[in-house]
Amino acid sequence: MEKMEFESILLPGINPKRPIVIAGPCSAESEEQVLETAKGLASKGIKLFRAGIWKPRTKPGGFEGIGVIGLPWLKRVKEETGMYVTTEVATKDHVFEALKAGVDLLWIGARTSANPFAVQEIADALKGVDIPVLIKNPVNPDLELWIGAFQRLYNAGIHRLGAIHRGFSSYDKKIYRNLPLWHIPIELRRRMPNLPIFCDPSHIGGKRELIAPLCQQAMDLNFDGLMIESHRDPDAAWSDAFQQITPDVLDYVLNLLVIRDSTQSTESLAELRRQIDGIDEQILELLAKRMRVSREIGVYKKEHNMPILQSPRYSEILENRSDMGKQMDLNPDFIREMLKEIHEESVRQQMIIMNEEKA
């Protein structure tokens, strides 16, 4: 992959100190609601105001955004509060209208970033325009699709780019509306170290009581900023009421954040890291040994005309090892996921043995 050199997304007057905060209602509902919310946020020092003008809905019949009539409301926010304004775009027409209205920053939503045709349309519409663009992760956990969206914008000459981690859809949502799957934005940062990453705790949590802990987790992972939905009267919001908070509550959440020092030297960790390196080497040696045994089992199954998959044995391994891990203070879910990956590779190794017989 060609290396991308990103330029700063910071607008004049924005403090680069973490976290950079983008806040505002899920949807622009009325001029009064937009202005009152914006003034409340401005009084708390927020410089970047967000509001959805066009809202993609899962099913027809829901509130799909106020549309272009809401764009002048954003212009009033700029004029009366001095805040920068941002909104989501999903088509070239959205881009044209937002730019015409003087929107300062655009973001591409999760449903749109999952569609390469839509992302390319937006990229083509933005050629020659110098504006920051943030891209939310696709609804499905596909890192390559997310990276592809950045490449499309970058190739169109948009180099002021940033990411928004808003979690991933799942049938098994547990406590979250969208599963955080933190390892995906962590890998994105490894692949694109100079790309700013924001966290959207409102869409990850889906509940306002989860916003504070999710913000802290994002800061602990050295995210650059936060996009948080804030409404003057969250319970009366026309969309996503349960995940919005008032400007006062937002200010309280931000004041509670502990911001870790990312500039500190890690020299004092050298010995502990050497221990980690040694342990990792032992783990890899043990995995290699386990795969050798799996291949021997594959040879036995081949010679005795046995199927590869032995479901009772697999279930026994998952159950017993999970219990064993729990006794060692290891997360049972982590142990299960690790064992699933190991089992999948063991099956692959045994399938190689079976195919060698047919060759």
Protein backbone atom coordinates (compact mmCIF):
# COMPACT_ATOMS: atom_id res chain seq x y z
CA MET A 1 0.00 0.00 0.00
CA GLU A 2 1.31 3.43 -0.97
CA LYS A 3 2.15 5.53 2.07
CA MET A 4 -0.24 8.41 2.67
CA GLU A 5 1.06 11.62 4.23
CA PHE A 6 -1.84 13.34 5.94
CA GLU A 7 -2.06 17.06 6.62
CA SER A 8 -3.45 18.63 9.80
CA ILE A 9 -7.24 18.62 10.14
CA LEU A 10 -7.05 21.38 12.76
CA LEU A 11 -8.92 24.55 11.91
CA PRO A 12 -7.59 27.97 13.01
CA GLY A 13 -8.08 28.58 16.72
CA ILE A 14 -8.62 24.91 17.63
CA ASN A 15 -6.46 23.81 20.53
CA PRO A 16 -4.50 20.72 19.42
CA LYS A 17 -4.46 19.42 23.00
CA ARG A 18 -6.31 16.12 23.40
CA PRO A 19 -9.18 15.57 23.22
CA ILE A 20 -10.38 17.62 20.26
CA VAL A 21 -14.15 17.60 20.80
CA ILE A 22 -16.88 17.70 18.17
CA ALA A 23 -20.34 17.94 19.74
CA GLY A 24 -23.92 18.67 18.82
CA PRO A 25 -27.27 16.98 18.24
CA CYS A 26 -27.75 13.81 16.24
CA SER A 27 -30.13 15.76 13.99
CA ALA A 28 -30.86 19.39 13.27
CA GLU A 29 -34.56 19.56 14.14
CA SER A 30 -35.39 23.26 14.26
CA GLU A 31 -33.53 26.54 14.10
CA GLU A 32 -34.26 27.17 17.77
CA GLN A 33 -33.02 23.71 18.83
CA VAL A 34 -29.81 24.06 16.81
CA LEU A 35 -28.98 27.55 18.09
CA GLU A 36 -29.83 26.85 21.72
CA THR A 37 -27.75 23.67 21.75
CA ALA A 38 -24.85 25.39 19.99
CA LYS A 39 -24.86 28.32 22.44
CA GLY A 40 -24.89 25.89 25.36
CA LEU A 41 -21.90 24.04 23.92
CA ALA A 42 -20.04 27.25 23.07
CA SER A 43 -20.42 28.37 26.68
CA LYS A 44 -18.53 25.19 27.69
CA GLY A 45 -15.65 25.94 25.32
CA ILE A 46 -16.64 23.57 22.49
CA LYS A 47 -15.37 24.90 19.16
CA LEU A 48 -16.69 22.30 16.70
CA PHE A 49 -20.46 21.92 16.32
CA ARG A 50 -21.99 18.87 14.64
CA ALA A 51 -25.55 18.35 13.45
CA GLY A 52 -27.03 15.82 11.05
CA ILE A 53 -28.78 17.48 8.11
CA TRP A 54 -29.34 14.26 6.14
CA LYS A 55 -29.97 11.14 8.25
CA PRO A 56 -29.72 7.64 6.79
CA ARG A 57 -32.32 5.44 8.49
CA THR A 58 -32.37 1.65 8.62
CA LYS A 59 -36.04 1.54 7.58
CA PRO A 60 -38.24 4.06 5.73
CA GLY A 61 -40.66 6.13 7.76
CA GLY A 62 -38.22 7.46 10.34
CA PHE A 63 -36.95 11.02 10.51
CA GLU A 64 -34.47 11.28 7.65
CA GLY A 65 -33.16 14.74 8.44
CA ILE A 66 -34.42 18.24 7.86
CA GLY A 67 -32.47 18.55 4.61
CA VAL A 68 -31.05 21.67 2.99
CA ILE A 69 -33.36 24.00 4.92
CA GLY A 70 -31.22 23.26 7.98
CA LEU A 71 -27.98 24.49 6.42
CA PRO A 72 -28.74 28.19 7.05
CA TRP A 73 -29.17 27.27 10.71
CA LEU A 74 -25.55 26.08 10.74
CA LYS A 75 -24.51 29.37 9.16
CA ARG A 76 -26.23 31.19 12.04
CA VAL A 77 -24.33 29.02 14.51
CA LYS A 78 -21.06 30.18 12.93
CA GLU A 79 -22.13 33.82 12.93
CA GLU A 80 -23.54 33.93 16.47
CA THR A 81 -21.13 31.64 18.36
CA GLY A 82 -17.92 31.64 16.29
CA MET A 83 -17.99 27.82 16.26
CA TYR A 84 -16.98 25.73 13.25
CA VAL A 85 -19.78 23.57 11.88
CA THR A 86 -19.73 19.99 10.59
CA THR A 87 -22.22 17.62 9.03
CA GLU A 88 -22.45 14.21 7.39
CA VAL A 89 -22.51 13.79 3.61
CA ALA A 90 -23.47 10.69 1.67
CA THR A 91 -23.86 11.88 -1.94
CA LYS A 92 -22.31 14.39 -4.32
CA ASP A 93 -25.42 16.57 -3.91
CA HIS A 94 -24.86 16.65 -0.14
CA VAL A 95 -21.27 17.72 -0.74
CA PHE A 96 -22.33 20.51 -3.12
CA GLU A 97 -24.97 21.88 -0.73
CA ALA A 98 -22.71 21.66 2.35
CA LEU A 99 -19.84 23.46 0.61
CA LYS A 100 -22.20 26.13 -0.73
CA ALA A 101 -23.44 26.72 2.84
CA GLY A 102 -19.88 27.15 4.16
CA VAL A 103 -19.69 23.96 6.26
CA ASP A 104 -16.15 23.75 7.68
CA LEU A 105 -15.67 20.00 8.08
CA LEU A 106 -17.43 16.99 6.56
CA TRP A 107 -17.76 13.43 7.73
CA ILE A 108 -18.72 10.26 5.89
CA GLY A 109 -21.01 7.93 7.84
CA ALA A 110 -20.67 4.23 8.52
CA ARG A 111 -23.27 3.12 5.99
CA THR A 112 -21.65 5.24 3.28
CA SER A 113 -18.06 4.20 4.02
CA ALA A 114 -19.14 0.59 3.45
CA ASN A 115 -20.06 1.46 -0.15
CA PRO A 116 -17.04 2.08 -2.41
CA PHE A 117 -19.26 3.57 -5.14
CA ALA A 118 -20.65 6.18 -2.73
CA VAL A 119 -17.20 7.01 -1.32
CA GLN A 120 -15.81 7.45 -4.83
CA GLU A 121 -18.70 9.74 -5.74
CA ILE A 122 -17.92 11.92 -2.71
CA ALA A 123 -14.19 11.86 -3.50
CA ASP A 124 -14.87 12.99 -7.09
CA ALA A 125 -17.15 15.79 -5.83
CA LEU A 126 -14.39 17.04 -3.49
CA LYS A 127 -11.56 17.20 -6.04
CA GLY A 128 -9.82 20.55 -5.76
CA VAL A 129 -11.48 21.41 -2.42
CA ASP A 130 -9.35 22.02 0.67
CA ILE A 131 -11.56 20.81 3.53
CA PRO A 132 -11.04 18.34 6.39
CA VAL A 133 -12.96 15.07 6.01
CA LEU A 134 -13.50 12.45 8.71
CA ILE A 135 -14.49 8.91 7.77
CA LYS A 136 -16.42 6.65 10.13
CA ASN A 137 -15.63 2.97 10.15
CA PRO A 138 -17.91 0.81 7.95
CA VAL A 139 -20.83 -0.82 9.77
CA ASN A 140 -19.14 -4.21 9.34
CA PRO A 141 -15.71 -4.90 10.86
CA ASP A 142 -13.69 -4.63 7.66
CA LEU A 143 -10.42 -2.73 8.12
CA GLU A 144 -9.47 -2.96 4.45
CA LEU A 145 -12.77 -1.36 3.41
CA TRP A 146 -12.13 1.48 5.88
CA ILE A 147 -8.59 1.99 4.55
CA GLY A 148 -9.93 1.88 1.00
CA ALA A 149 -12.19 4.84 1.79
CA PHE A 150 -9.16 6.87 2.92
CA GLN A 151 -7.29 5.92 -0.23
CA ARG A 152 -10.16 7.10 -2.44
CA LEU A 153 -10.29 10.52 -0.74
CA TYR A 154 -6.51 10.80 -0.68
CA ASN A 155 -6.24 10.00 -4.39
CA ALA A 156 -8.75 12.80 -5.04
CA GLY A 157 -6.34 15.26 -3.39
CA ILE A 158 -8.03 15.38 0.04
CA HIS A 159 -5.13 15.02 2.48
CA ARG A 160 -6.73 16.55 5.59
CA LEU A 161 -8.27 13.29 6.71
CA GLY A 162 -9.24 11.70 10.01
CA ALA A 163 -11.02 8.58 11.26
CA ILE A 164 -14.05 8.19 13.51
CA HIS A 165 -14.38 4.92 15.40
CA ARG A 166 -18.12 4.41 16.00
CA GLY A 167 -18.17 0.65 16.61
CA PHE A 168 -19.44 -2.24 14.50
CA SER A 169 -22.88 -3.76 14.00
CA SER A 170 -23.49 -7.22 15.41
CA TYR A 171 -26.41 -9.54 16.13
CA ASP A 172 -24.85 -10.08 19.56
CA LYS A 173 -24.73 -6.49 20.82
CA LYS A 174 -24.43 -7.24 24.56
CA ILE A 175 -24.28 -3.91 26.39
CA TYR A 176 -23.26 -1.86 23.36
CA ARG A 177 -25.27 -0.58 20.44
CA ASN A 178 -22.21 -1.18 18.26
CA LEU A 179 -19.33 -3.36 19.43
CA PRO A 180 -16.13 -1.35 20.05
CA LEU A 181 -13.70 -3.99 18.70
CA TRP A 182 -10.84 -1.72 19.77
CA HIS A 183 -8.26 -3.88 17.99
CA ILE A 184 -9.49 -2.57 14.61
CA PRO A 185 -8.77 1.14 15.21
CA ILE A 186 -5.55 0.08 16.96
CA GLU A 187 -4.49 -1.75 13.78
CA LEU A 188 -5.59 1.27 11.71
CA ARG A 189 -3.23 3.42 13.79
CA ARG A 190 -0.40 0.93 13.28
CA ARG A 191 -0.97 1.02 9.52
CA MET A 192 -1.52 4.83 9.38
CA PRO A 193 0.37 6.27 12.35
CA ASN A 194 -0.17 9.94 11.45
CA LEU A 195 -3.93 9.63 10.87
CA PRO A 196 -5.99 11.42 13.58
CA ILE A 197 -8.55 9.09 15.18
CA PHE A 198 -11.72 10.23 16.93
CA CYS A 199 -14.04 8.07 19.03
CA ASP A 200 -17.82 8.30 18.78
CA PRO A 201 -18.96 6.95 22.18
CA SER A 202 -22.58 7.91 21.47
CA HIS A 203 -22.93 5.37 18.66
CA ILE A 204 -20.77 2.72 20.32
CA GLY A 205 -22.70 2.82 23.59
CA GLY A 206 -26.19 3.74 22.44
CA LYS A 207 -26.89 4.79 26.02
CA ARG A 208 -25.85 8.06 27.63
CA GLU A 209 -24.55 6.33 30.77
CA LEU A 210 -21.88 4.57 28.67
CA ILE A 211 -20.48 7.77 27.15
CA ALA A 212 -18.12 8.66 30.02
CA PRO A 213 -16.38 5.24 30.32
CA LEU A 214 -16.06 4.95 26.54
CA CYS A 215 -14.50 8.42 26.35
CA GLN A 216 -11.97 7.39 28.98
CA GLN A 217 -11.12 4.18 27.13
CA ALA A 218 -10.53 6.18 23.95
CA MET A 219 -8.20 8.55 25.79
CA ASP A 220 -6.34 5.63 27.36
CA LEU A 221 -5.79 4.31 23.82
CA ASN A 222 -4.36 7.71 22.81
CA PHE A 223 -7.20 8.70 20.48
CA ASP A 224 -6.97 12.28 19.27
CA GLY A 225 -10.54 13.38 19.78
CA LEU A 226 -14.18 12.66 20.51
CA MET A 227 -17.42 13.13 18.59
CA ILE A 228 -20.28 13.23 21.08
CA GLU A 229 -23.97 13.80 20.49
CA SER A 230 -25.31 16.62 22.65
CA HIS A 231 -28.84 18.05 22.63
CA ARG A 232 -30.54 20.79 24.62
CA ASP A 233 -33.29 18.30 25.62
CA PRO A 234 -32.10 14.76 24.83
CA ASP A 235 -35.28 12.97 25.86
CA ALA A 236 -37.23 15.01 23.28
CA ALA A 237 -34.75 14.37 20.43
CA TRP A 238 -36.25 13.24 17.12
CA SER A 239 -33.53 10.62 16.65
CA ASP A 240 -31.18 8.64 18.93
CA ALA A 241 -32.60 10.21 22.09
CA PHE A 242 -31.07 7.63 24.44
CA GLN A 243 -27.47 8.34 23.44
CA GLN A 244 -27.48 12.14 23.65
CA ILE A 245 -26.48 14.30 26.61
CA THR A 246 -26.97 17.95 27.51
CA PRO A 247 -24.11 20.47 27.17
CA ASP A 248 -23.86 20.56 30.97
CA VAL A 249 -23.46 16.79 31.23
CA LEU A 250 -20.94 16.83 28.36
CA ASP A 251 -18.88 19.42 30.23
CA TYR A 252 -18.99 17.22 33.36
CA VAL A 253 -17.86 14.14 31.37
CA LEU A 254 -14.97 16.00 29.76
CA ASN A 255 -13.79 17.43 33.07
CA LEU A 256 -13.63 13.92 34.55
CA LEU A 257 -11.36 12.58 31.79
CA VAL A 258 -7.86 11.51 32.74
CA ILE A 259 -5.51 12.34 29.86
CA ARG A 260 -2.40 10.15 29.89
CA ASP A 261 0.97 11.66 29.01
CA SER A 262 1.85 10.22 25.59
CA THR A 263 5.21 12.04 25.49
CA GLN A 264 6.78 10.25 28.47
CA SER A 265 9.85 8.12 27.88
CA THR A 266 9.31 4.36 28.05
CA GLU A 267 12.92 3.51 28.90
CA SER A 268 11.92 2.33 32.39
CA LEU A 269 9.71 -0.33 30.73
CA ALA A 270 12.63 -1.89 28.87
CA GLU A 271 13.11 -4.82 31.26
CA LEU A 272 9.40 -5.65 31.38
CA ARG A 273 9.25 -5.49 27.59
CA ARG A 274 12.18 -7.89 27.35
CA GLN A 275 10.19 -10.27 29.54
CA ILE A 276 7.22 -9.90 27.20
CA ASP A 277 9.45 -10.66 24.20
CA GLY A 278 10.71 -13.82 25.87
CA ILE A 279 7.21 -14.98 26.81
CA ASP A 280 5.95 -14.32 23.28
CA GLU A 281 8.78 -16.47 21.93
CA GLN A 282 7.74 -19.29 24.26
CA ILE A 283 4.11 -18.94 23.18
CA LEU A 284 5.10 -19.20 19.51
CA GLU A 285 7.27 -22.27 20.21
CA LEU A 286 4.33 -23.92 22.01
CA LEU A 287 1.95 -23.07 19.16
CA ALA A 288 4.37 -24.57 16.65
CA LYS A 289 4.56 -27.73 18.79
CA ARG A 290 0.75 -27.87 19.01
CA MET A 291 0.43 -27.63 15.23
CA ARG A 292 2.94 -30.45 14.80
CA VAL A 293 0.77 -32.62 17.06
CA SER A 294 -2.33 -31.54 15.11
CA ARG A 295 -0.69 -32.68 11.88
CA GLU A 296 0.15 -36.06 13.47
CA ILE A 297 -3.52 -36.36 14.44
CA GLY A 298 -4.39 -35.51 10.83
CA VAL A 299 -2.18 -38.36 9.60
CA TYR A 300 -3.92 -40.77 11.99
CA LYS A 301 -7.38 -39.61 10.84
CA LYS A 302 -6.33 -40.02 7.21
CA GLU A 303 -5.00 -43.53 7.78
CA HIS A 304 -8.17 -44.56 9.61
CA ASN A 305 -10.58 -42.76 7.24
CA MET A 306 -11.87 -40.47 10.00
CA PRO A 307 -13.45 -37.02 9.46
CA ILE A 308 -11.37 -34.02 10.45
CA LEU A 309 -13.98 -32.27 12.59
CA GLN A 310 -14.72 -33.97 15.90
CA SER A 311 -17.38 -31.70 17.40
CA PRO A 312 -17.61 -33.27 20.89
CA ARG A 313 -13.85 -32.96 21.29
CA TYR A 314 -13.89 -29.31 20.15
CA SER A 315 -16.70 -28.45 22.59
CA GLU A 316 -14.79 -30.18 25.39
CA ILE A 317 -11.65 -28.16 24.65
CA LEU A 318 -13.54 -24.86 24.62
CA GLU A 319 -15.34 -25.61 27.88
CA ASN A 320 -12.42 -27.06 29.82
CA ARG A 321 -9.82 -24.50 28.70
CA SER A 322 -12.20 -21.61 29.39
CA ASP A 323 -12.70 -22.86 32.94
CA MET A 324 -8.96 -23.37 33.32
CA GLY A 325 -8.28 -19.84 32.10
CA LYS A 326 -10.83 -18.41 34.50
CA GLN A 327 -9.01 -20.05 37.39
CA MET A 328 -5.86 -18.26 36.19
CA ASP A 329 -7.65 -14.87 36.15
CA LEU A 330 -7.87 -14.88 32.36
CA ASN A 331 -10.97 -13.57 30.59
CA PRO A 332 -13.02 -16.63 29.47
CA ASP A 333 -14.22 -14.80 26.35
CA PHE A 334 -10.62 -14.06 25.38
CA ILE A 335 -9.65 -17.71 25.94
CA ARG A 336 -12.58 -18.91 23.80
CA GLU A 337 -11.70 -16.58 20.93
CA MET A 338 -8.03 -17.59 21.09
CA LEU A 339 -8.92 -21.29 21.11
CA LYS A 340 -11.28 -20.82 18.16
CA GLU A 341 -8.43 -19.32 16.13
CA ILE A 342 -6.07 -22.13 17.16
CA HIS A 343 -8.67 -24.76 16.32
CA GLU A 344 -9.31 -23.18 12.92
CA GLU A 345 -5.59 -23.34 12.11
CA SER A 346 -5.42 -26.95 13.37
CA VAL A 347 -8.29 -27.89 11.04
CA ARG A 348 -6.52 -26.14 8.16
CA GLN A 349 -3.33 -28.10 8.87
CA GLN A 350 -5.27 -31.39 8.92
CA MET A 351 -7.04 -30.50 5.67
CA ILE A 352 -3.60 -30.13 4.05
CA ILE A 353 -2.82 -33.69 5.17
CA MET A 354 -6.10 -34.95 3.68
CA ASN A 355 -5.47 -33.17 0.37
CA GLU A 356 -2.00 -34.65 0.15
CA GLU A 357 -3.63 -38.07 0.18
CA LYS A 358 -5.79 -37.17 -2.83
CA ALA A 359 -2.98 -35.61 -4.86
